[in-house]
C-alpha atoms as a PDB file:
ATOM      1  CA  MET A   1      -2.360   9.569  22.898  1.00  0.00           C
ATOM      2  CA  SER A   2      -3.124   9.685  19.206  1.00  0.00           C
ATOM      3  CA  LYS A   3      -1.358   7.304  16.928  1.00  0.00           C
ATOM      4  CA  SER A   4       1.326   8.809  14.781  1.00  0.00           C
ATOM      5  CA  VAL A   5       4.053   7.821  12.424  1.00  0.00           C
ATOM      6  CA  ASP A   6       6.529   8.901  15.134  1.00  0.00           C
ATOM      7  CA  LYS A   7       5.351   6.189  17.520  1.00  0.00           C
ATOM      8  CA  LYS A   8       7.589   3.133  17.646  1.00  0.00           C
ATOM      9  CA  TYR A   9       5.667   0.067  16.514  1.00  0.00           C
ATOM     10  CA  GLU A  10       7.255  -3.184  17.625  1.00  0.00           C
ATOM     11  CA  THR A  11       4.867  -5.566  15.847  1.00  0.00           C
ATOM     12  CA  PHE A  12       2.812  -5.557  12.698  1.00  0.00           C
ATOM     13  CA  ALA A  13      -0.313  -6.228  14.803  1.00  0.00           C
ATOM     14  CA  SER A  14       0.210  -2.945  16.639  1.00  0.00           C
ATOM     15  CA  PHE A  15       1.135  -1.109  13.421  1.00  0.00           C
ATOM     16  CA  TYR A  16      -1.818  -2.197  11.260  1.00  0.00           C
ATOM     17  CA  PRO A  17      -4.494  -0.098  13.058  1.00  0.00           C
ATOM     18  CA  PHE A  18      -2.246   2.930  12.555  1.00  0.00           C
ATOM     19  CA  TYR A  19      -1.762   1.935   8.909  1.00  0.00           C
ATOM     20  CA  LEU A  20      -5.530   1.787   8.392  1.00  0.00           C
ATOM     21  CA  SER A  21      -5.943   5.190  10.067  1.00  0.00           C
ATOM     22  CA  GLN A  22      -3.684   6.588   7.336  1.00  0.00           C
ATOM     23  CA  HIS A  23      -5.981   5.181   4.624  1.00  0.00           C
ATOM     24  CA  GLU A  24      -9.407   6.563   5.537  1.00  0.00           C
ATOM     25  CA  ASN A  25      -9.905   8.376   2.231  1.00  0.00           C
ATOM     26  CA  ASN A  26     -11.740   6.190  -0.317  1.00  0.00           C
ATOM     27  CA  THR A  27      -9.724   7.494  -3.255  1.00  0.00           C
ATOM     28  CA  CYS A  28      -6.445   6.806  -1.468  1.00  0.00           C
ATOM     29  CA  ARG A  29      -7.516   3.212  -0.712  1.00  0.00           C
ATOM     30  CA  ARG A  30      -8.691   2.736  -4.285  1.00  0.00           C
ATOM     31  CA  LEU A  31      -5.391   3.989  -5.666  1.00  0.00           C
ATOM     32  CA  HIS A  32      -3.550   1.542  -3.391  1.00  0.00           C
ATOM     33  CA  PHE A  33      -5.790  -1.257  -4.626  1.00  0.00           C
ATOM     34  CA  ILE A  34      -5.274  -0.329  -8.277  1.00  0.00           C
ATOM     35  CA  GLY A  35      -1.503  -0.119  -7.840  1.00  0.00           C
ATOM     36  CA  SER A  36      -1.366  -3.481  -6.061  1.00  0.00           C
ATOM     37  CA  SER A  37      -3.549  -5.085  -8.732  1.00  0.00           C
ATOM     38  CA  LEU A  38      -1.279  -3.720 -11.455  1.00  0.00           C
ATOM     39  CA  ILE A  39       1.720  -5.188  -9.617  1.00  0.00           C
ATOM     40  CA  ILE A  40       0.069  -8.624  -9.690  1.00  0.00           C
ATOM     41  CA  PHE A  41      -0.758  -8.326 -13.395  1.00  0.00           C
ATOM     42  CA  MET A  42       2.696  -7.011 -14.242  1.00  0.00           C
ATOM     43  CA  LEU A  43       4.412  -9.787 -12.293  1.00  0.00           C
ATOM     44  CA  ALA A  44       2.274 -12.378 -14.063  1.00  0.00           C
ATOM     45  CA  TYR A  45       3.185 -10.846 -17.419  1.00  0.00           C
ATOM     46  CA  ILE A  46       6.894 -10.675 -16.558  1.00  0.00           C
ATOM     47  CA  LEU A  47       6.955 -14.282 -15.362  1.00  0.00           C
ATOM     48  CA  THR A  48       5.082 -15.647 -18.374  1.00  0.00           C
ATOM     49  CA  SER A  49       6.922 -13.579 -20.954  1.00  0.00           C
ATOM     50  CA  THR A  50      10.315 -13.655 -19.166  1.00  0.00           C
ATOM     51  CA  THR A  51      10.637  -9.948 -19.885  1.00  0.00           C
ATOM     52  CA  TRP A  52      12.807  -9.359 -16.804  1.00  0.00           C
ATOM     53  CA  ILE A  53      13.696  -5.829 -17.858  1.00  0.00           C
ATOM     54  CA  LEU A  54      10.172  -4.774 -16.809  1.00  0.00           C
ATOM     55  CA  LEU A  55      10.838  -5.577 -13.141  1.00  0.00           C
ATOM     56  CA  TRP A  56      11.713  -1.906 -12.643  1.00  0.00           C
ATOM     57  CA  THR A  57       8.026  -1.058 -13.148  1.00  0.00           C
ATOM     58  CA  ILE A  58       6.949  -2.907  -9.981  1.00  0.00           C
ATOM     59  CA  PRO A  59       7.969  -0.206  -7.454  1.00  0.00           C
ATOM     60  CA  LEU A  60       6.796   2.513  -9.837  1.00  0.00           C
ATOM     61  CA  LEU A  61       3.302   1.002 -10.010  1.00  0.00           C
ATOM     62  CA  GLY A  62       3.034   0.270  -6.308  1.00  0.00           C
ATOM     63  CA  TYR A  63       4.495   3.437  -4.860  1.00  0.00           C
ATOM     64  CA  GLY A  64       3.309   5.714  -7.660  1.00  0.00           C
ATOM     65  CA  PHE A  65      -0.384   5.036  -7.119  1.00  0.00           C
ATOM     66  CA  ALA A  66      -0.045   4.891  -3.322  1.00  0.00           C
ATOM     67  CA  TRP A  67       1.876   8.136  -2.995  1.00  0.00           C
ATOM     68  CA  ILE A  68      -0.537  10.003  -5.258  1.00  0.00           C
ATOM     69  CA  GLY A  69      -3.279   8.807  -2.913  1.00  0.00           C
ATOM     70  CA  HIS A  70      -1.426  10.033   0.153  1.00  0.00           C
ATOM     71  CA  PHE A  71      -0.161  13.378  -1.115  1.00  0.00           C
ATOM     72  CA  PHE A  72      -3.263  14.503  -3.025  1.00  0.00           C
ATOM     73  CA  PHE A  73      -6.221  12.788  -1.352  1.00  0.00           C
ATOM     74  CA  GLU A  74      -5.306  11.567   2.129  1.00  0.00           C
ATOM     75  CA  LYS A  75      -2.949  14.545   2.576  1.00  0.00           C
ATOM     76  CA  ASN A  76      -0.547  12.716   4.851  1.00  0.00           C
ATOM     77  CA  ARG A  77       2.972  11.333   4.772  1.00  0.00           C
ATOM     78  CA  PRO A  78       3.182   7.688   3.665  1.00  0.00           C
ATOM     79  CA  ALA A  79       4.175   5.348   6.490  1.00  0.00           C
ATOM     80  CA  THR A  80       6.626   3.767   4.041  1.00  0.00           C
ATOM     81  CA  PHE A  81       9.163   6.448   4.920  1.00  0.00           C
ATOM     82  CA  THR A  82       9.277   5.351   8.572  1.00  0.00           C
ATOM     83  CA  TYR A  83       8.105   1.734   8.470  1.00  0.00           C
ATOM     84  CA  PRO A  84       8.961   0.361   5.013  1.00  0.00           C
ATOM     85  CA  TRP A  85       8.448  -3.351   5.771  1.00  0.00           C
ATOM     86  CA  TYR A  86       5.347  -2.994   7.933  1.00  0.00           C
ATOM     87  CA  SER A  87       3.916  -0.605   5.352  1.00  0.00           C
ATOM     88  CA  LEU A  88       4.570  -3.044   2.502  1.00  0.00           C
ATOM     89  CA  LEU A  89       2.912  -5.829   4.488  1.00  0.00           C
ATOM     90  CA  GLY A  90       0.067  -3.439   5.362  1.00  0.00           C
ATOM     91  CA  ASP A  91      -0.519  -2.760   1.656  1.00  0.00           C
ATOM     92  CA  TRP A  92      -1.086  -6.449   0.992  1.00  0.00           C
ATOM     93  CA  VAL A  93      -3.148  -7.117   4.122  1.00  0.00           C
ATOM     94  CA  MET A  94      -5.359  -4.134   3.243  1.00  0.00           C
ATOM     95  CA  TYR A  95      -5.582  -5.419  -0.352  1.00  0.00           C
ATOM     96  CA  ILE A  96      -6.849  -8.794   0.873  1.00  0.00           C
ATOM     97  CA  ASP A  97      -9.197  -7.109   3.358  1.00  0.00           C
ATOM     98  CA  ILE A  98     -10.674  -5.070   0.489  1.00  0.00           C
ATOM     99  CA  LEU A  99     -11.074  -8.216  -1.631  1.00  0.00           C
ATOM    100  CA  LEU A 100     -12.820  -9.957   1.274  1.00  0.00           C
ATOM    101  CA  GLY A 101     -15.112  -6.973   1.864  1.00  0.00           C
ATOM    102  CA  LYS A 102     -13.698  -6.222   5.325  1.00  0.00           C
ATOM    103  CA  ILE A 103     -12.672  -2.754   4.151  1.00  0.00           C
ATOM    104  CA  LYS A 104     -14.779  -0.560   1.884  1.00  0.00           C
ATOM    105  CA  PHE A 105     -13.465  -0.135  -1.647  1.00  0.00           C
END
């Protein structure tokens, strides 16, 4: 049985291989990485400048880059729509895996 977004994932450990299968396109992964990096930079700026009004940009940066990657390059439906929390965690685990060289950038 092929893995799909319709499958019920009970744990993040079982979800993460599916998550990675939805990020095989290099451009999609790079866009995720860029969006996540911008989130880190924006959060650092917001915290140091106490410009709380800019918090609205966090989801825009994260989801904007990721969804462009999915719709235009990976050509699939983001797992966020079905598994929002596992998908959010997957974004950050994949980000760290890219930083550590476990996943190709």
